[in-house]
Amino acid sequence: QDSTFKRFVEVGRVVLLKSGPSAGKIAVIAEIIDHNRAIIDGPTTGVPRQSFPYRHLTLTPIALTKLPRGAGSGVIRKQAEKEGLVAKWESSSWAKKRAAMEKRRSLNDFERFSVMVAKKQRRDVVRKALAKAA
């Protein structure tokens, strides 16, 4: 029977880092150390090879196929580029939501005001179109 779980801690699994200097970046599990930690590596995303606790990782639905255990940075880089890992991640709705949230957080006061005015204009156009249609 099929398991309800879809994302497993496995070699080749792409993870999103929740903390540390590389927080918000993605990396690949290269080797499983024990039930608390794994060696991760992100040669295409600027994440150095390091031991990382699972509690500071989020498993993504993306995984590299046929990655050998303990693969070096060069092997991981080749596999990631071959499978288009970064493009696959950036085209996911999860990454798009994170990017939108980050963009919203970085707005200054005037930009927030401009967004509010644009929303009001859009709302007005939609309201008038609905009133006309009814």
Protein backbone atom coordinates (compact mmCIF):
# COMPACT_ATOMS: atom_id res chain seq x y z
CA GLN A 1 0.00 0.00 0.00
CA ASP A 2 1.10 3.58 -0.61
CA SER A 3 2.43 5.60 2.29
CA THR A 4 0.83 8.92 3.16
CA PHE A 5 4.33 10.37 3.43
CA LYS A 6 5.91 11.63 0.21
CA ARG A 7 9.04 13.48 1.33
CA PHE A 8 11.70 11.28 2.87
CA VAL A 9 15.14 12.03 4.26
CA GLU A 10 17.23 10.44 1.51
CA VAL A 11 20.44 11.06 -0.38
CA GLY A 12 19.62 13.45 -3.21
CA ARG A 13 16.64 15.08 -1.48
CA VAL A 14 16.57 18.85 -1.99
CA VAL A 15 16.14 20.75 1.28
CA LEU A 16 15.37 24.35 2.19
CA LEU A 17 17.53 25.73 5.00
CA LYS A 18 15.58 27.36 7.83
CA SER A 19 18.45 28.86 9.83
CA GLY A 20 22.09 29.87 9.72
CA PRO A 21 23.95 32.11 7.28
CA SER A 22 22.46 30.23 4.30
CA ALA A 23 18.85 30.44 5.51
CA GLY A 24 16.36 30.52 2.63
CA LYS A 25 18.72 28.77 0.21
CA ILE A 26 18.35 25.23 -1.11
CA ALA A 27 20.84 22.39 -0.81
CA VAL A 28 21.02 18.64 -1.44
CA ILE A 29 21.44 15.87 1.13
CA ALA A 30 24.76 14.21 0.24
CA GLU A 31 25.03 11.78 3.15
CA ILE A 32 22.95 10.82 6.17
CA ILE A 33 24.99 10.94 9.39
CA ASP A 34 22.43 9.77 11.95
CA HIS A 35 18.80 10.35 12.92
CA ASN A 36 19.54 14.00 13.78
CA ARG A 37 21.98 15.23 11.13
CA ALA A 38 22.90 14.99 7.45
CA ILE A 39 25.72 16.30 5.28
CA ILE A 40 24.26 18.85 2.90
CA ASP A 41 25.84 20.54 -0.09
CA GLY A 42 24.65 23.28 -2.43
CA PRO A 43 27.36 23.85 -5.03
CA THR A 44 24.94 25.64 -7.40
CA THR A 45 23.31 27.79 -4.68
CA GLY A 46 26.33 28.86 -2.65
CA VAL A 47 25.71 26.61 0.35
CA PRO A 48 29.00 25.10 1.61
CA ARG A 49 29.22 21.37 2.33
CA GLN A 50 28.45 20.90 6.02
CA SER A 51 26.73 18.83 8.65
CA PHE A 52 23.25 20.19 9.29
CA PRO A 53 20.54 19.14 11.79
CA TYR A 54 17.20 18.00 10.34
CA ARG A 55 15.31 20.36 12.62
CA HIS A 56 16.82 23.29 10.68
CA LEU A 57 15.90 21.81 7.29
CA THR A 58 12.64 21.61 5.38
CA LEU A 59 12.31 18.73 2.93
CA THR A 60 11.09 19.74 -0.54
CA PRO A 61 9.26 17.50 -3.03
CA ILE A 62 12.28 17.74 -5.37
CA ALA A 63 15.01 15.08 -5.31
CA LEU A 64 18.03 14.34 -7.47
CA THR A 65 17.82 10.88 -9.00
CA LYS A 66 20.56 8.25 -8.71
CA LEU A 67 22.90 10.34 -6.57
CA PRO A 68 25.45 8.04 -4.86
CA ARG A 69 25.89 8.22 -1.08
CA GLY A 70 28.61 10.61 0.02
CA ALA A 71 28.84 12.21 -3.43
CA GLY A 72 31.31 15.09 -3.67
CA SER A 73 30.48 18.66 -4.63
CA GLY A 74 31.53 18.11 -8.25
CA VAL A 75 29.18 15.14 -8.71
CA ILE A 76 26.31 17.01 -7.04
CA ARG A 77 26.95 20.10 -9.21
CA LYS A 78 26.90 18.04 -12.43
CA GLN A 79 23.74 16.19 -11.42
CA ALA A 80 22.01 19.42 -10.31
CA GLU A 81 22.85 21.18 -13.57
CA LYS A 82 21.81 18.12 -15.60
CA GLU A 83 18.40 17.94 -13.89
CA GLY A 84 17.91 21.74 -13.81
CA LEU A 85 17.57 21.80 -10.03
CA VAL A 86 17.63 25.58 -9.52
CA ALA A 87 15.19 26.20 -12.39
CA LYS A 88 12.89 23.48 -11.06
CA TRP A 89 12.93 25.09 -7.60
CA GLU A 90 12.40 28.63 -8.88
CA SER A 91 9.44 27.52 -11.01
CA SER A 92 7.73 25.90 -8.01
CA SER A 93 4.84 27.75 -6.37
CA TRP A 94 6.62 27.46 -3.00
CA ALA A 95 9.64 29.42 -4.25
CA LYS A 96 7.42 31.96 -5.99
CA LYS A 97 5.48 32.57 -2.75
CA ARG A 98 8.74 33.00 -0.83
CA ALA A 99 10.03 35.47 -3.46
CA ALA A 100 6.77 37.47 -3.35
CA MET A 101 6.87 37.58 0.45
CA GLU A 102 10.51 38.72 0.39
CA LYS A 103 9.66 41.39 -2.20
CA ARG A 104 6.79 42.65 -0.03
CA ARG A 105 9.05 42.76 3.03
CA SER A 106 11.64 44.85 1.21
CA LEU A 107 9.19 47.56 0.08
CA ASN A 108 9.62 51.02 1.54
CA ASP A 109 6.74 53.22 2.71
CA PHE A 110 6.09 54.87 -0.65
CA GLU A 111 6.16 51.54 -2.51
CA ARG A 112 3.62 50.11 -0.04
CA PHE A 113 1.45 53.20 -0.66
CA SER A 114 1.76 52.69 -4.45
CA VAL A 115 0.64 49.06 -4.06
CA MET A 116 -2.36 50.18 -2.01
CA VAL A 117 -3.37 52.75 -4.67
CA ALA A 118 -2.96 50.16 -7.47
CA LYS A 119 -5.14 47.69 -5.53
CA LYS A 120 -7.82 50.37 -5.06
CA GLN A 121 -7.77 51.18 -8.79
CA ARG A 122 -8.00 47.50 -9.71
CA ARG A 123 -10.83 46.94 -7.23
CA ASP A 124 -12.71 49.91 -8.70
CA VAL A 125 -12.34 48.60 -12.29
CA VAL A 126 -13.54 45.12 -11.24
CA ARG A 127 -16.48 46.57 -9.30
CA LYS A 128 -17.58 48.69 -12.28
CA ALA A 129 -17.24 45.75 -14.69
CA LEU A 130 -19.38 43.56 -12.39
CA ALA A 131 -21.99 46.29 -12.02
CA LYS A 132 -22.10 46.72 -15.80
CA ALA A 133 -22.45 42.97 -16.35
CA ALA A 134 -25.32 42.63 -13.87
